[in-house]
Amino acid sequence: MYLEFLKAKNAYLAASRRAFACGLAAGSGGNLSIRIPNTELMIVKPSGITLGEVDESNLVIADLHGNLVEGSAKPTKETILHGGLYRRLPQIGAVVHVHPVYAIMCANCFDELPLVTKQMKQITSRPVPILKIKHNTVDEAGMAMIDALLDSQPDVRCFLLEEHGLVSFAGTMQDAQNNAELIEENARVYWEMAHATR
C-alpha cells in the first residue's frame, strides 16, 4: 500500500503544480483529489492555500466522507464533491475541480458547452453539461444535482458549474488533468466563436 500511496502522492503534486502553472485557479481556489488505490481514502488539498503551494508538508488524507485521517490542516471544503464522486463511481481515481476563466464564463451564459475542438470530441460525444448550483461549494443539495446528472448520463466524465468552474474525473490523475485543460480550451474556442458571429 505504501508504494501505491507514494505514486498517488507524486501524481497529485505534479498535477497540482501544473494546474497552478496553467492558471486554472486563482488564489486558494480549485481542488484536486486522488484516491489512494484499494482504499476508501483520498489525498486532498488543505483549505486556504493555492494549488502552487501544495507540497508534502501540507497534504491531507481524508476518508470519502471528508473526515480528516492524516495531516494537520483542515481538508478542502469540497470534500462532499470529491468523496461523493468516488463513492458513486468506484472506477475513477482522480477528480480535478478548477476555476478557469472561459469555463466559468460559459457556465454563466449557456445551458451546455458544445464540442468545438477535435480533442474534446475524443473525450466525449455529447456537449459538456452545465449545472446551476447556487451554493459557494457543492453541498448535499448540489451533490443531489450531480447524482441526477449521472443517473441521466452515466457516461459523463466532466461538467461545468455556474460561477464555479469545471469538474473533471477519470481513472488517473493525468487523464483528469488533461481533460480539464482540454475543457478550458474548448470553452475558450466556443466563447470566441460565439462572440465573433455577433
N, C-alpha and C. Protein backbone atom coordinates (compact mmCIF):
# COMPACT_ATOMS: atom_id res chain seq x y z
N MET A 1 0.83 -1.20 0.00
CA MET A 1 0.00 0.00 0.00
C MET A 1 0.87 1.26 0.00
N TYR A 2 2.05 1.20 0.65
CA TYR A 2 2.88 2.39 0.74
C TYR A 2 3.35 2.85 -0.63
N LEU A 3 3.73 1.91 -1.50
CA LEU A 3 4.17 2.30 -2.84
C LEU A 3 3.02 2.92 -3.62
N GLU A 4 1.82 2.39 -3.45
CA GLU A 4 0.66 2.97 -4.13
C GLU A 4 0.39 4.38 -3.62
N PHE A 5 0.56 4.57 -2.31
CA PHE A 5 0.40 5.91 -1.75
C PHE A 5 1.42 6.87 -2.34
N LEU A 6 2.68 6.44 -2.44
CA LEU A 6 3.73 7.30 -2.99
C LEU A 6 3.41 7.70 -4.44
N LYS A 7 2.96 6.74 -5.23
CA LYS A 7 2.62 7.04 -6.62
C LYS A 7 1.46 8.04 -6.67
N ALA A 8 0.45 7.83 -5.84
CA ALA A 8 -0.69 8.73 -5.81
C ALA A 8 -0.26 10.13 -5.38
N LYS A 9 0.56 10.20 -4.35
CA LYS A 9 1.03 11.50 -3.85
C LYS A 9 1.82 12.24 -4.91
N ASN A 10 2.73 11.55 -5.57
CA ASN A 10 3.55 12.20 -6.59
C ASN A 10 2.70 12.67 -7.77
N ALA A 11 1.72 11.86 -8.16
CA ALA A 11 0.82 12.26 -9.25
C ALA A 11 0.01 13.48 -8.84
N TYR A 12 -0.41 13.51 -7.59
CA TYR A 12 -1.19 14.65 -7.09
C TYR A 12 -0.36 15.93 -7.13
N LEU A 13 0.85 15.87 -6.60
CA LEU A 13 1.70 17.06 -6.54
C LEU A 13 2.01 17.58 -7.94
N ALA A 14 2.29 16.69 -8.87
CA ALA A 14 2.60 17.11 -10.24
C ALA A 14 1.40 17.79 -10.88
N ALA A 15 0.21 17.22 -10.69
CA ALA A 15 -0.99 17.79 -11.30
C ALA A 15 -1.34 19.13 -10.66
N SER A 16 -1.17 19.24 -9.35
CA SER A 16 -1.49 20.49 -8.67
C SER A 16 -0.58 21.61 -9.16
N ARG A 17 0.69 21.33 -9.30
CA ARG A 17 1.63 22.35 -9.77
C ARG A 17 1.34 22.74 -11.22
N ARG A 18 0.97 21.76 -12.03
CA ARG A 18 0.66 22.06 -13.42
C ARG A 18 -0.61 22.90 -13.52
N ALA A 19 -1.62 22.56 -12.74
CA ALA A 19 -2.86 23.33 -12.76
C ALA A 19 -2.59 24.78 -12.37
N PHE A 20 -1.75 24.98 -11.38
CA PHE A 20 -1.41 26.33 -10.96
C PHE A 20 -0.64 27.06 -12.06
N ALA A 21 0.33 26.37 -12.66
CA ALA A 21 1.13 26.99 -13.72
C ALA A 21 0.28 27.35 -14.93
N CYS A 22 -0.76 26.57 -15.19
CA CYS A 22 -1.65 26.83 -16.33
C CYS A 22 -2.70 27.89 -16.02
N GLY A 23 -2.71 28.39 -14.80
CA GLY A 23 -3.68 29.42 -14.43
C GLY A 23 -5.10 28.92 -14.33
N LEU A 24 -5.28 27.68 -13.92
CA LEU A 24 -6.62 27.10 -13.86
C LEU A 24 -7.39 27.50 -12.60
N ALA A 25 -6.74 28.16 -11.67
CA ALA A 25 -7.43 28.63 -10.47
C ALA A 25 -6.68 29.80 -9.87
N ALA A 26 -7.42 30.78 -9.36
CA ALA A 26 -6.82 31.96 -8.74
C ALA A 26 -6.89 31.85 -7.22
N GLY A 27 -5.95 32.49 -6.55
CA GLY A 27 -5.94 32.47 -5.09
C GLY A 27 -5.91 31.05 -4.56
N SER A 28 -6.70 30.82 -3.53
CA SER A 28 -6.74 29.48 -2.93
C SER A 28 -7.84 28.62 -3.54
N GLY A 29 -8.41 29.06 -4.67
CA GLY A 29 -9.47 28.31 -5.31
C GLY A 29 -8.96 27.06 -5.99
N GLY A 30 -9.88 26.19 -6.31
CA GLY A 30 -9.54 24.95 -7.00
C GLY A 30 -9.15 23.85 -6.04
N ASN A 31 -9.57 22.65 -6.36
CA ASN A 31 -9.27 21.50 -5.51
C ASN A 31 -9.07 20.27 -6.36
N LEU A 32 -7.97 19.58 -6.13
CA LEU A 32 -7.72 18.30 -6.76
C LEU A 32 -7.79 17.22 -5.69
N SER A 33 -8.11 16.03 -6.10
CA SER A 33 -8.03 14.89 -5.18
C SER A 33 -7.64 13.65 -5.96
N ILE A 34 -7.05 12.72 -5.24
CA ILE A 34 -6.70 11.44 -5.85
C ILE A 34 -7.01 10.35 -4.83
N ARG A 35 -7.63 9.30 -5.33
CA ARG A 35 -7.94 8.17 -4.45
C ARG A 35 -6.68 7.35 -4.21
N ILE A 36 -6.42 6.99 -2.97
CA ILE A 36 -5.33 6.05 -2.69
C ILE A 36 -5.82 4.67 -3.08
N PRO A 37 -5.17 4.02 -4.07
CA PRO A 37 -5.70 2.76 -4.60
C PRO A 37 -6.00 1.72 -3.52
N ASN A 38 -7.09 1.02 -3.74
CA ASN A 38 -7.51 -0.08 -2.87
C ASN A 38 -7.85 0.37 -1.45
N THR A 39 -8.24 1.64 -1.32
CA THR A 39 -8.67 2.15 -0.02
C THR A 39 -9.92 3.00 -0.22
N GLU A 40 -10.49 3.42 0.88
CA GLU A 40 -11.59 4.38 0.87
C GLU A 40 -11.08 5.74 1.34
N LEU A 41 -9.87 6.08 0.89
CA LEU A 41 -9.21 7.31 1.30
C LEU A 41 -8.82 8.13 0.07
N MET A 42 -8.70 9.44 0.27
CA MET A 42 -8.27 10.32 -0.82
C MET A 42 -7.29 11.36 -0.29
N ILE A 43 -6.34 11.71 -1.13
CA ILE A 43 -5.45 12.82 -0.85
C ILE A 43 -6.11 14.08 -1.38
N VAL A 44 -6.20 15.11 -0.55
CA VAL A 44 -6.85 16.36 -0.95
C VAL A 44 -6.01 17.56 -0.53
N LYS A 45 -6.33 18.70 -1.13
CA LYS A 45 -5.68 19.95 -0.77
C LYS A 45 -6.27 20.48 0.53
N PRO A 46 -5.43 21.00 1.40
CA PRO A 46 -5.99 21.66 2.58
C PRO A 46 -6.62 23.00 2.20
N SER A 47 -7.51 23.48 3.04
CA SER A 47 -8.15 24.77 2.80
C SER A 47 -7.15 25.90 2.95
N GLY A 48 -7.36 26.95 2.15
CA GLY A 48 -6.64 28.19 2.38
C GLY A 48 -5.29 28.35 1.72
N ILE A 49 -4.88 27.42 0.88
CA ILE A 49 -3.61 27.58 0.18
C ILE A 49 -3.84 27.41 -1.33
N THR A 50 -2.91 27.93 -2.11
CA THR A 50 -3.04 27.82 -3.56
C THR A 50 -2.61 26.44 -4.03
N LEU A 51 -3.00 26.12 -5.25
CA LEU A 51 -2.56 24.85 -5.83
C LEU A 51 -1.04 24.82 -5.96
N GLY A 52 -0.42 25.98 -6.14
CA GLY A 52 1.03 26.04 -6.26
C GLY A 52 1.77 25.85 -4.96
N GLU A 53 1.08 26.02 -3.83
CA GLU A 53 1.72 25.87 -2.52
C GLU A 53 1.61 24.46 -1.95
N VAL A 54 0.87 23.60 -2.62
CA VAL A 54 0.70 22.24 -2.11
C VAL A 54 2.03 21.50 -2.16
N ASP A 55 2.40 20.89 -1.05
CA ASP A 55 3.61 20.06 -1.03
C ASP A 55 3.43 18.95 0.01
N GLU A 56 4.46 18.17 0.20
CA GLU A 56 4.35 17.02 1.10
C GLU A 56 4.05 17.42 2.54
N SER A 57 4.42 18.64 2.90
CA SER A 57 4.25 19.06 4.29
C SER A 57 2.82 19.43 4.64
N ASN A 58 1.99 19.72 3.64
CA ASN A 58 0.64 20.17 3.98
C ASN A 58 -0.49 19.36 3.35
N LEU A 59 -0.16 18.35 2.57
CA LEU A 59 -1.22 17.48 2.04
C LEU A 59 -1.97 16.81 3.18
N VAL A 60 -3.24 16.54 2.95
CA VAL A 60 -4.02 15.82 3.95
C VAL A 60 -4.69 14.61 3.31
N ILE A 61 -4.96 13.64 4.14
CA ILE A 61 -5.69 12.45 3.72
C ILE A 61 -7.03 12.46 4.44
N ALA A 62 -8.10 12.27 3.67
CA ALA A 62 -9.45 12.23 4.22
C ALA A 62 -10.14 10.96 3.77
N ASP A 63 -11.16 10.56 4.51
CA ASP A 63 -11.98 9.46 4.02
C ASP A 63 -12.97 10.02 3.00
N LEU A 64 -13.77 9.15 2.41
CA LEU A 64 -14.66 9.58 1.33
C LEU A 64 -15.88 10.34 1.82
N HIS A 65 -15.95 10.59 3.14
CA HIS A 65 -16.99 11.45 3.70
C HIS A 65 -16.39 12.78 4.18
N GLY A 66 -15.11 12.99 3.88
CA GLY A 66 -14.47 14.26 4.20
C GLY A 66 -13.84 14.33 5.58
N ASN A 67 -13.84 13.24 6.33
CA ASN A 67 -13.24 13.25 7.66
C ASN A 67 -11.72 13.16 7.56
N LEU A 68 -11.03 14.00 8.32
CA LEU A 68 -9.57 14.01 8.32
C LEU A 68 -9.04 12.70 8.88
N VAL A 69 -8.13 12.08 8.14
CA VAL A 69 -7.50 10.83 8.57
C VAL A 69 -6.04 11.07 8.93
N GLU A 70 -5.37 11.90 8.14
CA GLU A 70 -3.96 12.19 8.40
C GLU A 70 -3.63 13.58 7.91
N GLY A 71 -2.82 14.29 8.70
CA GLY A 71 -2.42 15.65 8.34
C GLY A 71 -2.84 16.62 9.42
N SER A 72 -2.27 17.81 9.38
CA SER A 72 -2.53 18.79 10.43
C SER A 72 -3.45 19.92 9.98
N ALA A 73 -3.78 19.97 8.69
CA ALA A 73 -4.62 21.05 8.17
C ALA A 73 -6.05 20.56 7.96
N LYS A 74 -6.94 21.52 7.77
CA LYS A 74 -8.35 21.20 7.50
C LYS A 74 -8.51 20.84 6.03
N PRO A 75 -9.15 19.73 5.73
CA PRO A 75 -9.37 19.38 4.31
C PRO A 75 -10.21 20.43 3.59
N THR A 76 -10.06 20.50 2.28
CA THR A 76 -10.85 21.40 1.46
C THR A 76 -12.34 21.29 1.76
N LYS A 77 -13.05 22.41 1.57
CA LYS A 77 -14.50 22.42 1.76
C LYS A 77 -15.22 21.57 0.73
N GLU A 78 -14.53 21.21 -0.34
CA GLU A 78 -15.17 20.48 -1.44
C GLU A 78 -15.08 18.96 -1.28
N THR A 79 -14.87 18.48 -0.06
CA THR A 79 -14.80 17.02 0.12
C THR A 79 -16.14 16.35 -0.17
N ILE A 80 -17.25 17.07 -0.02
CA ILE A 80 -18.55 16.48 -0.38
C ILE A 80 -18.56 16.12 -1.87
N LEU A 81 -18.06 17.03 -2.70
CA LEU A 81 -17.98 16.78 -4.14
C LEU A 81 -17.04 15.63 -4.45
N HIS A 82 -15.83 15.71 -3.95
CA HIS A 82 -14.83 14.70 -4.29
C HIS A 82 -15.21 13.32 -3.75
N GLY A 83 -15.53 13.27 -2.46
CA GLY A 83 -15.90 11.99 -1.87
C GLY A 83 -17.16 11.42 -2.48
N GLY A 84 -18.11 12.30 -2.79
CA GLY A 84 -19.35 11.84 -3.41
C GLY A 84 -19.12 11.19 -4.76
N LEU A 85 -18.21 11.78 -5.55
CA LEU A 85 -17.91 11.19 -6.86
C LEU A 85 -17.21 9.84 -6.70
N TYR A 86 -16.28 9.73 -5.76
CA TYR A 86 -15.60 8.44 -5.55
C TYR A 86 -16.56 7.36 -5.07
N ARG A 87 -17.47 7.73 -4.19
CA ARG A 87 -18.43 6.74 -3.70
C ARG A 87 -19.37 6.31 -4.82
N ARG A 88 -19.75 7.27 -5.64
CA ARG A 88 -20.68 6.99 -6.73
C ARG A 88 -20.01 6.21 -7.86
N LEU A 89 -18.75 6.51 -8.14
CA LEU A 89 -18.03 5.96 -9.29
C LEU A 89 -16.73 5.30 -8.83
N PRO A 90 -16.80 4.07 -8.36
CA PRO A 90 -15.59 3.44 -7.81
C PRO A 90 -14.48 3.23 -8.83
N GLN A 91 -14.80 3.36 -10.12
CA GLN A 91 -13.78 3.17 -11.15
C GLN A 91 -12.89 4.39 -11.35
N ILE A 92 -13.29 5.54 -10.82
CA ILE A 92 -12.45 6.73 -11.03
C ILE A 92 -11.39 6.83 -9.94
N GLY A 93 -10.28 7.44 -10.29
CA GLY A 93 -9.17 7.55 -9.34
C GLY A 93 -8.76 8.97 -9.05
N ALA A 94 -9.32 9.96 -9.76
CA ALA A 94 -8.90 11.34 -9.54
C ALA A 94 -10.02 12.30 -9.94
N VAL A 95 -10.07 13.42 -9.24
CA VAL A 95 -11.04 14.48 -9.52
C VAL A 95 -10.29 15.80 -9.58
N VAL A 96 -10.54 16.57 -10.63
CA VAL A 96 -9.95 17.90 -10.78
C VAL A 96 -11.09 18.91 -10.82
N HIS A 97 -11.12 19.80 -9.85
CA HIS A 97 -12.12 20.88 -9.82
C HIS A 97 -11.37 22.20 -9.80
N VAL A 98 -11.42 22.94 -10.90
CA VAL A 98 -10.67 24.19 -11.03
C VAL A 98 -11.58 25.29 -11.55
N HIS A 99 -11.07 26.52 -11.55
CA HIS A 99 -11.90 27.69 -11.85
C HIS A 99 -11.37 28.49 -13.04
N PRO A 100 -11.14 27.89 -14.18
CA PRO A 100 -10.61 28.65 -15.32
C PRO A 100 -11.65 29.62 -15.88
N VAL A 101 -11.15 30.72 -16.42
CA VAL A 101 -12.00 31.86 -16.77
C VAL A 101 -13.04 31.51 -17.83
N TYR A 102 -12.64 30.87 -18.92
CA TYR A 102 -13.59 30.63 -20.00
C TYR A 102 -14.64 29.60 -19.62
N ALA A 103 -14.25 28.61 -18.84
CA ALA A 103 -15.25 27.64 -18.36
C ALA A 103 -16.30 28.34 -17.52
N ILE A 104 -15.88 29.27 -16.66
CA ILE A 104 -16.83 29.99 -15.82
C ILE A 104 -17.74 30.87 -16.67
N MET A 105 -17.16 31.58 -17.64
CA MET A 105 -17.99 32.43 -18.49
C MET A 105 -19.03 31.61 -19.24
N CYS A 106 -18.62 30.48 -19.77
CA CYS A 106 -19.58 29.64 -20.49
C CYS A 106 -20.65 29.08 -19.55
N ALA A 107 -20.23 28.68 -18.35
CA ALA A 107 -21.18 28.15 -17.38
C ALA A 107 -22.20 29.20 -16.96
N ASN A 108 -21.77 30.47 -16.94
CA ASN A 108 -22.67 31.55 -16.53
C ASN A 108 -23.67 31.93 -17.63
N CYS A 109 -23.29 31.68 -18.89
CA CYS A 109 -24.07 32.23 -20.01
C CYS A 109 -24.82 31.19 -20.84
N PHE A 110 -24.48 29.93 -20.69
CA PHE A 110 -25.09 28.91 -21.53
C PHE A 110 -25.66 27.78 -20.68
N ASP A 111 -26.44 26.93 -21.32
CA ASP A 111 -27.02 25.77 -20.63
C ASP A 111 -26.20 24.50 -20.83
N GLU A 112 -25.33 24.51 -21.83
CA GLU A 112 -24.40 23.41 -22.06
C GLU A 112 -23.25 23.96 -22.90
N LEU A 113 -22.15 23.23 -22.91
CA LEU A 113 -20.98 23.66 -23.67
C LEU A 113 -20.81 22.74 -24.87
N PRO A 114 -21.10 23.22 -26.09
CA PRO A 114 -20.93 22.39 -27.28
C PRO A 114 -19.47 22.00 -27.49
N LEU A 115 -19.27 20.93 -28.21
CA LEU A 115 -17.92 20.47 -28.52
C LEU A 115 -17.46 21.14 -29.82
N VAL A 116 -16.39 21.92 -29.74
CA VAL A 116 -15.93 22.65 -30.91
C VAL A 116 -14.46 22.41 -31.20
N THR A 117 -13.85 21.46 -30.50
CA THR A 117 -12.47 21.06 -30.81
C THR A 117 -12.43 19.55 -30.99
N LYS A 118 -11.55 19.10 -31.85
CA LYS A 118 -11.42 17.65 -32.09
C LYS A 118 -10.96 16.93 -30.83
N GLN A 119 -10.14 17.61 -30.01
CA GLN A 119 -9.67 16.97 -28.79
C GLN A 119 -10.82 16.68 -27.84
N MET A 120 -11.77 17.63 -27.72
CA MET A 120 -12.91 17.38 -26.85
C MET A 120 -13.79 16.28 -27.39
N LYS A 121 -13.90 16.18 -28.70
CA LYS A 121 -14.71 15.13 -29.30
C LYS A 121 -14.10 13.75 -29.11
N GLN A 122 -12.81 13.71 -28.75
CA GLN A 122 -12.18 12.44 -28.41
C GLN A 122 -12.47 12.04 -26.97
N ILE A 123 -12.81 13.04 -26.14
CA ILE A 123 -13.13 12.77 -24.73
C ILE A 123 -14.57 12.33 -24.56
N THR A 124 -15.48 13.01 -25.28
CA THR A 124 -16.90 12.77 -25.09
C THR A 124 -17.64 13.00 -26.40
N SER A 125 -18.78 12.40 -26.54
CA SER A 125 -19.57 12.56 -27.77
C SER A 125 -20.74 13.51 -27.58
N ARG A 126 -20.89 14.07 -26.39
CA ARG A 126 -22.02 14.95 -26.13
C ARG A 126 -21.54 16.25 -25.51
N PRO A 127 -22.34 17.33 -25.62
CA PRO A 127 -21.94 18.60 -25.00
C PRO A 127 -21.67 18.44 -23.51
N VAL A 128 -20.80 19.30 -23.01
CA VAL A 128 -20.48 19.27 -21.58
C VAL A 128 -21.65 19.87 -20.80
N PRO A 129 -22.22 19.13 -19.85
CA PRO A 129 -23.36 19.65 -19.08
C PRO A 129 -22.94 20.83 -18.20
N ILE A 130 -23.90 21.69 -17.92
CA ILE A 130 -23.68 22.82 -17.01
C ILE A 130 -24.72 22.74 -15.90
N LEU A 131 -24.25 22.74 -14.67
CA LEU A 131 -25.14 22.67 -13.52
C LEU A 131 -25.21 24.03 -12.85
N LYS A 132 -26.41 24.46 -12.55
CA LYS A 132 -26.63 25.77 -11.95
C LYS A 132 -26.76 25.62 -10.43
N ILE A 133 -25.67 25.21 -9.80
CA ILE A 133 -25.63 25.07 -8.35
C ILE A 133 -25.31 26.43 -7.75
N LYS A 134 -26.15 26.91 -6.86
CA LYS A 134 -26.03 28.28 -6.36
C LYS A 134 -25.11 28.43 -5.15
N HIS A 135 -24.90 27.35 -4.42
CA HIS A 135 -24.09 27.43 -3.21
C HIS A 135 -22.62 27.66 -3.56
N ASN A 136 -21.87 28.27 -2.64
CA ASN A 136 -20.45 28.55 -2.89
C ASN A 136 -19.61 27.30 -3.02
N THR A 137 -20.02 26.25 -2.36
CA THR A 137 -19.38 24.94 -2.51
C THR A 137 -20.47 23.94 -2.90
N VAL A 138 -20.04 22.76 -3.30
CA VAL A 138 -21.02 21.72 -3.63
C VAL A 138 -21.47 21.08 -2.32
N ASP A 139 -22.66 21.44 -1.90
CA ASP A 139 -23.22 20.87 -0.68
C ASP A 139 -24.03 19.62 -1.02
N GLU A 140 -24.76 19.10 -0.05
CA GLU A 140 -25.54 17.88 -0.29
C GLU A 140 -26.60 18.09 -1.38
N ALA A 141 -27.22 19.27 -1.41
CA ALA A 141 -28.20 19.55 -2.45
C ALA A 141 -27.53 19.60 -3.82
N GLY A 142 -26.35 20.18 -3.87
CA GLY A 142 -25.60 20.21 -5.12
C GLY A 142 -25.18 18.82 -5.56
N MET A 143 -24.79 18.00 -4.59
CA MET A 143 -24.41 16.62 -4.92
C MET A 143 -25.61 15.85 -5.45
N ALA A 144 -26.79 16.15 -4.96
CA ALA A 144 -28.00 15.50 -5.48
C ALA A 144 -28.21 15.86 -6.95
N MET A 145 -27.90 17.11 -7.32
CA MET A 145 -28.00 17.52 -8.72
C MET A 145 -26.98 16.77 -9.57
N ILE A 146 -25.79 16.57 -9.02
CA ILE A 146 -24.76 15.81 -9.75
C ILE A 146 -25.18 14.36 -9.90
N ASP A 147 -25.75 13.78 -8.85
CA ASP A 147 -26.23 12.40 -8.93
C ASP A 147 -27.32 12.27 -9.99
N ALA A 148 -28.20 13.26 -10.05
CA ALA A 148 -29.27 13.23 -11.06
C ALA A 148 -28.68 13.29 -12.46
N LEU A 149 -27.63 14.11 -12.64
CA LEU A 149 -26.95 14.18 -13.93
C LEU A 149 -26.35 12.83 -14.29
N LEU A 150 -25.68 12.20 -13.34
CA LEU A 150 -25.05 10.91 -13.60
C LEU A 150 -26.08 9.80 -13.82
N ASP A 151 -27.26 9.94 -13.22
CA ASP A 151 -28.34 8.99 -13.49
C ASP A 151 -28.81 9.10 -14.94
N SER A 152 -28.91 10.33 -15.42
CA SER A 152 -29.42 10.54 -16.77
C SER A 152 -28.35 10.37 -17.84
N GLN A 153 -27.09 10.60 -17.48
CA GLN A 153 -25.98 10.48 -18.44
C GLN A 153 -24.83 9.73 -17.77
N PRO A 154 -24.93 8.42 -17.66
CA PRO A 154 -23.93 7.65 -16.91
C PRO A 154 -22.51 7.75 -17.46
N ASP A 155 -22.37 8.14 -18.72
CA ASP A 155 -21.03 8.22 -19.31
C ASP A 155 -20.36 9.57 -19.10
N VAL A 156 -21.03 10.50 -18.43
CA VAL A 156 -20.45 11.83 -18.19
C VAL A 156 -19.19 11.71 -17.36
N ARG A 157 -18.15 12.44 -17.77
CA ARG A 157 -16.90 12.47 -17.01
C ARG A 157 -16.41 13.89 -16.78
N CYS A 158 -17.30 14.87 -17.07
CA CYS A 158 -16.97 16.25 -16.80
C CYS A 158 -18.24 17.07 -16.84
N PHE A 159 -18.22 18.18 -16.13
CA PHE A 159 -19.33 19.13 -16.20
C PHE A 159 -18.82 20.48 -15.71
N LEU A 160 -19.60 21.53 -16.04
CA LEU A 160 -19.29 22.87 -15.58
C LEU A 160 -20.27 23.25 -14.47
N LEU A 161 -19.81 24.14 -13.61
CA LEU A 161 -20.63 24.67 -12.53
C LEU A 161 -20.76 26.18 -12.70
N GLU A 162 -21.99 26.67 -12.70
CA GLU A 162 -22.20 28.11 -12.85
C GLU A 162 -21.42 28.88 -11.80
N GLU A 163 -20.67 29.89 -12.25
CA GLU A 163 -19.85 30.76 -11.40
C GLU A 163 -18.75 30.00 -10.67
N HIS A 164 -18.49 28.77 -11.05
CA HIS A 164 -17.64 27.93 -10.19
C HIS A 164 -16.70 27.01 -10.95
N GLY A 165 -16.59 27.15 -12.26
CA GLY A 165 -15.56 26.41 -12.97
C GLY A 165 -15.97 25.07 -13.51
N LEU A 166 -15.01 24.14 -13.51
CA LEU A 166 -15.25 22.84 -14.12
C LEU A 166 -14.85 21.72 -13.18
N VAL A 167 -15.42 20.55 -13.44
CA VAL A 167 -15.09 19.33 -12.72
C VAL A 167 -14.80 18.25 -13.75
N SER A 168 -13.64 17.63 -13.61
CA SER A 168 -13.23 16.54 -14.50
C SER A 168 -12.81 15.36 -13.63
N PHE A 169 -13.23 14.16 -14.00
CA PHE A 169 -12.86 12.98 -13.22
C PHE A 169 -12.56 11.83 -14.16
N ALA A 170 -11.57 11.03 -13.78
CA ALA A 170 -11.10 9.96 -14.66
C ALA A 170 -10.41 8.88 -13.84
N GLY A 171 -9.98 7.85 -14.53
CA GLY A 171 -9.30 6.75 -13.86
C GLY A 171 -7.96 7.15 -13.27
N THR A 172 -7.27 8.07 -13.93
CA THR A 172 -5.96 8.52 -13.46
C THR A 172 -5.95 10.04 -13.30
N MET A 173 -5.02 10.51 -12.50
CA MET A 173 -4.88 11.95 -12.33
C MET A 173 -4.45 12.60 -13.64
N GLN A 174 -3.57 11.97 -14.37
CA GLN A 174 -3.12 12.56 -15.64
C GLN A 174 -4.28 12.76 -16.59
N ASP A 175 -5.17 11.77 -16.70
CA ASP A 175 -6.31 11.91 -17.60
C ASP A 175 -7.27 13.00 -17.10
N ALA A 176 -7.53 13.04 -15.81
CA ALA A 176 -8.43 14.06 -15.28
C ALA A 176 -7.86 15.46 -15.50
N GLN A 177 -6.55 15.60 -15.30
CA GLN A 177 -5.88 16.89 -15.50
C GLN A 177 -5.89 17.29 -16.98
N ASN A 178 -5.51 16.36 -17.85
CA ASN A 178 -5.51 16.66 -19.29
C ASN A 178 -6.90 17.06 -19.76
N ASN A 179 -7.90 16.33 -19.31
CA ASN A 179 -9.27 16.64 -19.73
C ASN A 179 -9.70 18.02 -19.25
N ALA A 180 -9.30 18.39 -18.04
CA ALA A 180 -9.64 19.73 -17.54
C ALA A 180 -9.04 20.81 -18.43
N GLU A 181 -7.81 20.62 -18.86
CA GLU A 181 -7.18 21.60 -19.74
C GLU A 181 -7.89 21.66 -21.09
N LEU A 182 -8.30 20.50 -21.61
CA LEU A 182 -8.98 20.48 -22.90
C LEU A 182 -10.38 21.09 -22.82
N ILE A 183 -11.03 20.93 -21.67
CA ILE A 183 -12.34 21.55 -21.48
C ILE A 183 -12.20 23.07 -21.51
N GLU A 184 -11.21 23.58 -20.82
CA GLU A 184 -10.99 25.03 -20.82
C GLU A 184 -10.64 25.53 -22.22
N GLU A 185 -9.82 24.79 -22.96
CA GLU A 185 -9.50 25.18 -24.33
C GLU A 185 -10.77 25.21 -25.18
N ASN A 186 -11.60 24.19 -25.05
CA ASN A 186 -12.86 24.13 -25.80
C ASN A 186 -13.77 25.29 -25.41
N ALA A 187 -13.83 25.61 -24.12
CA ALA A 187 -14.66 26.73 -23.65
C ALA A 187 -14.17 28.04 -24.25
N ARG A 188 -12.86 28.21 -24.32
CA ARG A 188 -12.33 29.46 -24.89
C ARG A 188 -12.65 29.57 -26.38
N VAL A 189 -12.47 28.47 -27.10
CA VAL A 189 -12.78 28.48 -28.53
C VAL A 189 -14.26 28.77 -28.75
N TYR A 190 -15.12 28.10 -27.98
CA TYR A 190 -16.56 28.31 -28.15
C TYR A 190 -16.95 29.75 -27.82
N TRP A 191 -16.40 30.30 -26.74
CA TRP A 191 -16.71 31.66 -26.36
C TRP A 191 -16.32 32.64 -27.46
N GLU A 192 -15.11 32.47 -27.97
CA GLU A 192 -14.63 33.37 -29.04
C GLU A 192 -15.47 33.22 -30.31
N MET A 193 -15.84 31.98 -30.65
CA MET A 193 -16.67 31.76 -31.82
C MET A 193 -18.04 32.41 -31.64
N ALA A 194 -18.63 32.24 -30.46
CA ALA A 194 -19.96 32.78 -30.21
C ALA A 194 -19.96 34.30 -30.33
N HIS A 195 -18.90 34.92 -29.89
CA HIS A 195 -18.85 36.39 -29.92
C HIS A 195 -18.36 36.92 -31.28
N ALA A 196 -17.67 36.09 -32.03
CA ALA A 196 -17.22 36.52 -33.36
C ALA A 196 -18.37 36.62 -34.34
N THR A 197 -19.43 35.86 -34.10
CA THR A 197 -20.56 35.83 -35.03
C THR A 197 -21.65 36.82 -34.66
N ARG A 198 -21.46 37.61 -33.60
CA ARG A 198 -22.49 38.57 -33.19
C ARG A 198 -22.40 39.83 -34.01
